[in-house]
Amino acid sequence: MSKEGSERGLILSLLCEHLLLLHPEQSARLKNKQPGLPAGCLIERLKTEALIDTVKSVVNAKDPDIALNDLIDGLELVLPTRESSRHMAGRDLGNQEPKPSLIRYAQHNA
């Protein structure tokens, strides 16, 4: 990545954190001389608020079935998918055949 490319990511990150200072809850905390919430916490709150608003719009829709299908289609587009190394994703598992000693053990204990 070029220096210019990495600067853009940093600028975007700083702009996002700056905008989070304008969140009503954050502004109220800072105005009342309370500690501010971390950016990650505010992002989670914003996501939760958006989900609640979306569910409300589906419930209040004239045709909730169509609204729900639209919601599901939209969520499939925006929800992240990440591979987990915890589940051996992308790893070469090698030879999966049983060793001769394991075969003998299984035959002996069968």
Protein backbone atom coordinates (compact mmCIF):
# COMPACT_ATOMS: atom_id res chain seq x y z
CA MET A 1 0.00 0.00 0.00
CA SER A 2 1.29 3.42 -0.87
CA LYS A 3 1.83 6.19 1.59
CA GLU A 4 -1.09 8.08 0.07
CA GLY A 5 -3.36 5.02 0.41
CA SER A 6 -2.51 4.54 4.06
CA GLU A 7 -3.07 8.24 4.74
CA ARG A 8 -6.57 7.99 3.27
CA GLY A 9 -7.48 5.16 5.64
CA LEU A 10 -6.20 7.15 8.59
CA ILE A 11 -8.07 10.27 7.49
CA LEU A 12 -11.29 8.28 7.10
CA SER A 13 -10.85 6.73 10.53
CA LEU A 14 -10.26 10.13 12.15
CA LEU A 15 -13.28 11.61 10.37
CA CYS A 16 -15.47 8.77 11.63
CA GLU A 17 -14.28 9.27 15.20
CA HIS A 18 -14.81 13.03 14.86
CA LEU A 19 -18.39 12.47 13.64
CA LEU A 20 -19.02 10.12 16.56
CA LEU A 21 -18.33 13.08 18.87
CA LEU A 22 -21.52 14.61 17.43
CA HIS A 23 -23.66 11.64 18.49
CA PRO A 24 -26.33 12.99 20.88
CA GLU A 25 -25.37 10.67 23.73
CA GLN A 26 -21.67 11.46 23.35
CA SER A 27 -22.35 15.20 23.17
CA ALA A 28 -24.47 15.03 26.34
CA ARG A 29 -21.76 13.10 28.19
CA LEU A 30 -19.03 15.54 27.18
CA LYS A 31 -21.24 18.56 27.97
CA ASN A 32 -21.86 17.18 31.46
CA LYS A 33 -18.13 16.58 31.95
CA GLN A 34 -18.56 12.79 31.94
CA PRO A 35 -16.13 10.50 30.17
CA GLY A 36 -16.97 9.88 26.53
CA LEU A 37 -17.87 6.46 25.17
CA PRO A 38 -15.29 4.61 23.06
CA ALA A 39 -15.84 4.75 19.31
CA GLY A 40 -16.51 1.00 19.15
CA CYS A 41 -19.24 1.30 21.77
CA LEU A 42 -20.92 4.14 19.88
CA ILE A 43 -20.73 2.22 16.62
CA GLU A 44 -22.44 -0.76 18.27
CA ARG A 45 -25.15 1.56 19.64
CA LEU A 46 -25.69 3.06 16.18
CA LYS A 47 -25.99 -0.41 14.67
CA THR A 48 -28.48 -1.41 17.35
CA GLU A 49 -30.52 1.77 16.82
CA ALA A 50 -30.58 1.11 13.08
CA LEU A 51 -31.71 -2.49 13.62
CA ILE A 52 -34.50 -1.39 16.00
CA ASP A 53 -35.67 1.27 13.53
CA THR A 54 -35.68 -1.30 10.73
CA VAL A 55 -37.66 -3.83 12.76
CA LYS A 56 -40.16 -1.11 13.66
CA SER A 57 -40.57 -0.21 9.99
CA VAL A 58 -41.21 -3.87 9.11
CA VAL A 59 -43.77 -4.25 11.92
CA ASN A 60 -45.55 -1.03 10.92
CA ALA A 61 -45.46 -1.75 7.16
CA LYS A 62 -48.70 -2.23 5.23
CA ASP A 63 -47.40 -5.60 4.02
CA PRO A 64 -44.94 -6.91 6.65
CA ASP A 65 -44.11 -10.05 4.61
CA ILE A 66 -42.76 -8.02 1.69
CA ALA A 67 -40.96 -5.62 4.05
CA LEU A 68 -39.38 -8.57 5.89
CA ASN A 69 -38.20 -10.15 2.63
CA ASP A 70 -36.69 -6.83 1.56
CA LEU A 71 -34.98 -6.57 4.95
CA ILE A 72 -33.50 -10.05 4.67
CA ASP A 73 -32.26 -9.36 1.14
CA GLY A 74 -30.67 -6.11 2.31
CA LEU A 75 -29.03 -7.72 5.34
CA GLU A 76 -27.47 -10.42 3.20
CA LEU A 77 -25.77 -7.68 1.19
CA VAL A 78 -24.32 -5.77 4.13
CA LEU A 79 -23.56 -8.33 6.83
CA PRO A 80 -19.87 -9.21 6.93
CA THR A 81 -18.61 -12.73 6.50
CA ARG A 82 -15.25 -13.60 7.93
CA GLU A 83 -13.42 -16.86 7.95
CA SER A 84 -12.40 -18.15 11.32
CA SER A 85 -8.99 -19.71 11.81
CA ARG A 86 -10.51 -21.29 14.88
CA HIS A 87 -12.51 -23.61 12.64
CA MET A 88 -9.53 -24.69 10.56
CA ALA A 89 -10.67 -22.58 7.58
CA GLY A 90 -8.08 -22.38 4.84
CA ARG A 91 -5.71 -24.83 6.47
CA ASP A 92 -4.20 -27.87 4.81
CA LEU A 93 -5.27 -30.77 6.96
CA GLY A 94 -2.89 -33.17 5.24
CA ASN A 95 -3.44 -36.90 5.15
CA GLN A 96 -6.65 -37.86 6.93
CA GLU A 97 -6.18 -41.64 6.64
CA PRO A 98 -5.88 -43.54 9.94
CA LYS A 99 -2.43 -44.72 10.96
CA PRO A 100 -1.82 -48.49 11.12
CA SER A 101 -1.60 -48.35 14.92
CA LEU A 102 -5.05 -46.76 15.11
CA ILE A 103 -6.49 -49.42 12.80
CA ARG A 104 -5.02 -52.18 15.00
CA TYR A 105 -6.36 -50.47 18.14
CA ALA A 106 -9.86 -50.21 16.63
CA GLN A 107 -9.82 -53.85 15.53
CA HIS A 108 -8.61 -55.02 18.94
CA ASN A 109 -11.27 -53.03 20.84
CA ALA A 110 -14.19 -53.76 18.49
